[in-house]
Amino acid sequence: MILSTFIQAFAQILSMAINIYIWIIIIAALISWVRPDPYNPIVQILYRLTEPLYTKIRRIIPTSIGGVDLTPILVILVLKFIDLFVVQLLFEFARSI
């Protein structure tokens, strides 16, 4: 029972963290369309939270098509897959214990 509760709590926190990061990606993408002040602390935080992951993905897969960077969309799709598949597997595993 304790292990089951722990796994469910972990799955819930993982799901929340994934959803928060998805919103960070969306906000960073929207802000990038309006040429933000690069010295703004919020812009710097968003850049530091998203750009390292974007850089790793851009090394593996070319994500720029016609001058449009599709990296945020790709990251969101992967994160939603993890949220829908892995987190649900954790919930099912916790219920089966």
N, C-alpha and C. Protein backbone atom coordinates (compact mmCIF):
# COMPACT_ATOMS: atom_id res chain seq x y z
N MET A 1 0.82 -1.19 0.00
CA MET A 1 0.00 0.00 0.00
C MET A 1 0.86 1.26 0.00
N ILE A 2 1.92 1.26 0.78
CA ILE A 2 2.79 2.44 0.83
C ILE A 2 3.50 2.62 -0.51
N LEU A 3 3.98 1.53 -1.09
CA LEU A 3 4.65 1.62 -2.39
C LEU A 3 3.69 2.10 -3.46
N SER A 4 2.47 1.62 -3.43
CA SER A 4 1.46 2.02 -4.40
C SER A 4 1.17 3.52 -4.29
N THR A 5 1.04 4.02 -3.08
CA THR A 5 0.79 5.44 -2.87
C THR A 5 1.98 6.28 -3.31
N PHE A 6 3.19 5.79 -3.04
CA PHE A 6 4.39 6.49 -3.46
C PHE A 6 4.46 6.59 -4.98
N ILE A 7 4.19 5.50 -5.67
CA ILE A 7 4.24 5.50 -7.14
C ILE A 7 3.17 6.42 -7.71
N GLN A 8 1.98 6.42 -7.14
CA GLN A 8 0.93 7.32 -7.61
C GLN A 8 1.31 8.79 -7.39
N ALA A 9 1.90 9.08 -6.25
CA ALA A 9 2.34 10.45 -5.97
C ALA A 9 3.44 10.87 -6.94
N PHE A 10 4.38 9.96 -7.19
CA PHE A 10 5.45 10.25 -8.14
C PHE A 10 4.89 10.51 -9.54
N ALA A 11 3.95 9.68 -9.96
CA ALA A 11 3.33 9.84 -11.29
C ALA A 11 2.59 11.16 -11.38
N GLN A 12 1.90 11.54 -10.33
CA GLN A 12 1.16 12.80 -10.33
C GLN A 12 2.10 13.99 -10.41
N ILE A 13 3.18 13.95 -9.64
CA ILE A 13 4.16 15.04 -9.66
C ILE A 13 4.85 15.10 -11.01
N LEU A 14 5.18 13.96 -11.60
CA LEU A 14 5.78 13.93 -12.92
C LEU A 14 4.84 14.54 -13.96
N SER A 15 3.58 14.20 -13.89
CA SER A 15 2.59 14.76 -14.81
C SER A 15 2.49 16.27 -14.66
N MET A 16 2.47 16.75 -13.42
CA MET A 16 2.41 18.19 -13.18
C MET A 16 3.66 18.90 -13.71
N ALA A 17 4.83 18.31 -13.49
CA ALA A 17 6.07 18.91 -13.97
C ALA A 17 6.10 18.97 -15.50
N ILE A 18 5.64 17.92 -16.14
CA ILE A 18 5.58 17.90 -17.61
C ILE A 18 4.65 18.99 -18.11
N ASN A 19 3.48 19.12 -17.50
CA ASN A 19 2.53 20.14 -17.94
C ASN A 19 3.04 21.55 -17.69
N ILE A 20 3.73 21.77 -16.60
CA ILE A 20 4.33 23.09 -16.35
C ILE A 20 5.38 23.40 -17.39
N TYR A 21 6.22 22.42 -17.73
CA TYR A 21 7.26 22.65 -18.73
C TYR A 21 6.65 22.88 -20.11
N ILE A 22 5.56 22.22 -20.42
CA ILE A 22 4.86 22.47 -21.69
C ILE A 22 4.39 23.92 -21.74
N TRP A 23 3.84 24.42 -20.65
CA TRP A 23 3.40 25.81 -20.63
C TRP A 23 4.58 26.77 -20.73
N ILE A 24 5.71 26.43 -20.14
CA ILE A 24 6.91 27.25 -20.28
C ILE A 24 7.33 27.32 -21.74
N ILE A 25 7.28 26.20 -22.45
CA ILE A 25 7.64 26.17 -23.86
C ILE A 25 6.67 27.03 -24.68
N ILE A 26 5.38 26.91 -24.39
CA ILE A 26 4.39 27.70 -25.12
C ILE A 26 4.60 29.19 -24.90
N ILE A 27 4.81 29.59 -23.65
CA ILE A 27 5.03 31.00 -23.34
C ILE A 27 6.30 31.51 -24.00
N ALA A 28 7.37 30.71 -23.96
CA ALA A 28 8.63 31.13 -24.59
C ALA A 28 8.46 31.27 -26.10
N ALA A 29 7.70 30.37 -26.72
CA ALA A 29 7.47 30.46 -28.17
C ALA A 29 6.66 31.71 -28.51
N LEU A 30 5.63 31.98 -27.73
CA LEU A 30 4.81 33.17 -27.98
C LEU A 30 5.61 34.45 -27.79
N ILE A 31 6.43 34.49 -26.76
CA ILE A 31 7.24 35.69 -26.51
C ILE A 31 8.28 35.87 -27.62
N SER A 32 8.78 34.80 -28.17
CA SER A 32 9.81 34.92 -29.22
C SER A 32 9.26 35.57 -30.49
N TRP A 33 7.96 35.58 -30.67
CA TRP A 33 7.37 36.19 -31.87
C TRP A 33 7.39 37.72 -31.83
N VAL A 34 7.55 38.32 -30.66
CA VAL A 34 7.44 39.78 -30.53
C VAL A 34 8.78 40.47 -30.26
N ARG A 35 9.87 39.79 -30.47
CA ARG A 35 11.21 40.33 -30.24
C ARG A 35 11.35 40.93 -28.84
N PRO A 36 11.41 40.08 -27.85
CA PRO A 36 11.49 40.58 -26.47
C PRO A 36 12.86 41.17 -26.16
N ASP A 37 12.90 41.97 -25.11
CA ASP A 37 14.16 42.53 -24.62
C ASP A 37 14.99 41.38 -24.05
N PRO A 38 16.17 41.11 -24.61
CA PRO A 38 16.96 39.97 -24.12
C PRO A 38 17.48 40.17 -22.70
N TYR A 39 17.42 41.38 -22.17
CA TYR A 39 17.89 41.63 -20.82
C TYR A 39 16.78 41.53 -19.78
N ASN A 40 15.57 41.30 -20.22
CA ASN A 40 14.44 41.11 -19.31
C ASN A 40 14.65 39.80 -18.54
N PRO A 41 14.52 39.83 -17.22
CA PRO A 41 14.77 38.62 -16.42
C PRO A 41 13.84 37.45 -16.77
N ILE A 42 12.59 37.75 -17.10
CA ILE A 42 11.65 36.68 -17.46
C ILE A 42 12.07 36.02 -18.77
N VAL A 43 12.48 36.83 -19.72
CA VAL A 43 12.94 36.29 -21.01
C VAL A 43 14.19 35.45 -20.80
N GLN A 44 15.10 35.91 -19.95
CA GLN A 44 16.31 35.14 -19.67
C GLN A 44 16.00 33.81 -19.01
N ILE A 45 15.04 33.79 -18.08
CA ILE A 45 14.66 32.54 -17.41
C ILE A 45 14.05 31.57 -18.41
N LEU A 46 13.14 32.07 -19.25
CA LEU A 46 12.52 31.21 -20.26
C LEU A 46 13.56 30.66 -21.22
N TYR A 47 14.52 31.50 -21.61
CA TYR A 47 15.58 31.06 -22.51
C TYR A 47 16.44 29.98 -21.85
N ARG A 48 16.78 30.17 -20.58
CA ARG A 48 17.61 29.18 -19.87
C ARG A 48 16.88 27.87 -19.64
N LEU A 49 15.56 27.92 -19.52
CA LEU A 49 14.79 26.70 -19.30
C LEU A 49 14.54 25.91 -20.59
N THR A 50 14.49 26.59 -21.71
CA THR A 50 14.13 25.90 -22.95
C THR A 50 15.30 25.66 -23.90
N GLU A 51 16.21 26.59 -23.98
CA GLU A 51 17.24 26.51 -25.01
C GLU A 51 18.19 25.32 -24.88
N PRO A 52 18.60 24.88 -23.69
CA PRO A 52 19.48 23.70 -23.63
C PRO A 52 18.85 22.45 -24.26
N LEU A 53 17.57 22.23 -24.00
CA LEU A 53 16.89 21.08 -24.60
C LEU A 53 16.74 21.26 -26.10
N TYR A 54 16.40 22.48 -26.53
CA TYR A 54 16.28 22.75 -27.97
C TYR A 54 17.61 22.48 -28.69
N THR A 55 18.71 22.89 -28.07
CA THR A 55 20.03 22.71 -28.68
C THR A 55 20.33 21.22 -28.86
N LYS A 56 20.03 20.41 -27.86
CA LYS A 56 20.28 18.97 -27.97
C LYS A 56 19.45 18.35 -29.10
N ILE A 57 18.20 18.77 -29.21
CA ILE A 57 17.34 18.21 -30.25
C ILE A 57 17.78 18.68 -31.64
N ARG A 58 18.19 19.93 -31.75
CA ARG A 58 18.64 20.47 -33.04
C ARG A 58 19.90 19.77 -33.54
N ARG A 59 20.73 19.28 -32.63
CA ARG A 59 21.92 18.52 -33.04
C ARG A 59 21.54 17.19 -33.67
N ILE A 60 20.47 16.59 -33.17
CA ILE A 60 20.06 15.26 -33.65
C ILE A 60 19.18 15.37 -34.89
N ILE A 61 18.20 16.27 -34.85
CA ILE A 61 17.21 16.38 -35.92
C ILE A 61 17.18 17.81 -36.43
N PRO A 62 17.28 18.01 -37.74
CA PRO A 62 17.10 19.38 -38.26
C PRO A 62 15.61 19.76 -38.16
N THR A 63 15.31 20.78 -37.38
CA THR A 63 13.92 21.11 -37.10
C THR A 63 13.48 22.44 -37.70
N SER A 64 14.32 23.06 -38.51
CA SER A 64 13.95 24.32 -39.12
C SER A 64 13.46 24.06 -40.54
N ILE A 65 12.21 24.42 -40.79
CA ILE A 65 11.63 24.24 -42.12
C ILE A 65 11.12 25.58 -42.60
N GLY A 66 11.70 26.08 -43.68
CA GLY A 66 11.27 27.36 -44.23
C GLY A 66 11.45 28.52 -43.27
N GLY A 67 12.46 28.48 -42.45
CA GLY A 67 12.71 29.55 -41.50
C GLY A 67 11.89 29.46 -40.22
N VAL A 68 11.07 28.43 -40.11
CA VAL A 68 10.25 28.24 -38.91
C VAL A 68 10.86 27.11 -38.08
N ASP A 69 11.15 27.40 -36.83
CA ASP A 69 11.73 26.40 -35.94
C ASP A 69 10.62 25.55 -35.33
N LEU A 70 10.64 24.27 -35.62
CA LEU A 70 9.62 23.35 -35.12
C LEU A 70 10.04 22.62 -33.85
N THR A 71 11.15 22.99 -33.27
CA THR A 71 11.64 22.34 -32.06
C THR A 71 10.64 22.40 -30.90
N PRO A 72 10.01 23.55 -30.63
CA PRO A 72 9.04 23.57 -29.53
C PRO A 72 7.88 22.60 -29.74
N ILE A 73 7.40 22.49 -30.97
CA ILE A 73 6.30 21.56 -31.24
C ILE A 73 6.75 20.12 -31.02
N LEU A 74 7.96 19.80 -31.47
CA LEU A 74 8.49 18.45 -31.30
C LEU A 74 8.65 18.12 -29.81
N VAL A 75 9.16 19.06 -29.04
CA VAL A 75 9.35 18.84 -27.60
C VAL A 75 7.99 18.65 -26.92
N ILE A 76 7.01 19.46 -27.28
CA ILE A 76 5.68 19.33 -26.68
C ILE A 76 5.08 17.97 -27.01
N LEU A 77 5.22 17.52 -28.25
CA LEU A 77 4.69 16.21 -28.63
C LEU A 77 5.35 15.09 -27.83
N VAL A 78 6.65 15.15 -27.66
CA VAL A 78 7.36 14.12 -26.89
C VAL A 78 6.93 14.16 -25.43
N LEU A 79 6.81 15.36 -24.88
CA LEU A 79 6.39 15.47 -23.48
C LEU A 79 4.95 14.98 -23.28
N LYS A 80 4.06 15.27 -24.21
CA LYS A 80 2.68 14.78 -24.09
C LYS A 80 2.65 13.25 -24.22
N PHE A 81 3.51 12.69 -25.07
CA PHE A 81 3.58 11.24 -25.17
C PHE A 81 4.02 10.65 -23.83
N ILE A 82 5.05 11.24 -23.24
CA ILE A 82 5.51 10.76 -21.93
C ILE A 82 4.40 10.90 -20.90
N ASP A 83 3.69 12.01 -20.94
CA ASP A 83 2.61 12.23 -19.98
C ASP A 83 1.48 11.22 -20.17
N LEU A 84 1.12 10.97 -21.40
CA LEU A 84 -0.01 10.08 -21.66
C LEU A 84 0.35 8.60 -21.54
N PHE A 85 1.58 8.25 -21.83
CA PHE A 85 1.97 6.84 -21.84
C PHE A 85 2.66 6.43 -20.55
N VAL A 86 3.77 7.05 -20.25
CA VAL A 86 4.59 6.64 -19.10
C VAL A 86 3.87 6.90 -17.78
N VAL A 87 3.27 8.07 -17.66
CA VAL A 87 2.59 8.40 -16.41
C VAL A 87 1.39 7.47 -16.20
N GLN A 88 0.66 7.19 -17.27
CA GLN A 88 -0.47 6.27 -17.13
C GLN A 88 0.00 4.86 -16.78
N LEU A 89 1.16 4.45 -17.33
CA LEU A 89 1.72 3.15 -16.95
C LEU A 89 2.06 3.12 -15.47
N LEU A 90 2.60 4.21 -14.96
CA LEU A 90 2.90 4.27 -13.53
C LEU A 90 1.63 4.17 -12.69
N PHE A 91 0.58 4.87 -13.11
CA PHE A 91 -0.69 4.78 -12.39
C PHE A 91 -1.24 3.36 -12.41
N GLU A 92 -1.21 2.72 -13.56
CA GLU A 92 -1.71 1.34 -13.66
C GLU A 92 -0.87 0.39 -12.83
N PHE A 93 0.44 0.60 -12.84
CA PHE A 93 1.31 -0.26 -12.03
C PHE A 93 1.01 -0.08 -10.55
N ALA A 94 0.78 1.17 -10.14
CA ALA A 94 0.47 1.44 -8.74
C ALA A 94 -0.87 0.79 -8.35
N ARG A 95 -1.83 0.79 -9.24
CA ARG A 95 -3.12 0.17 -8.93
C ARG A 95 -3.02 -1.35 -8.85
N SER A 96 -2.08 -1.92 -9.61
CA SER A 96 -1.97 -3.39 -9.63
C SER A 96 -1.20 -3.94 -8.43
N ILE A 97 -0.50 -3.08 -7.72
CA ILE A 97 0.29 -3.53 -6.57
C ILE A 97 -0.63 -3.84 -5.41
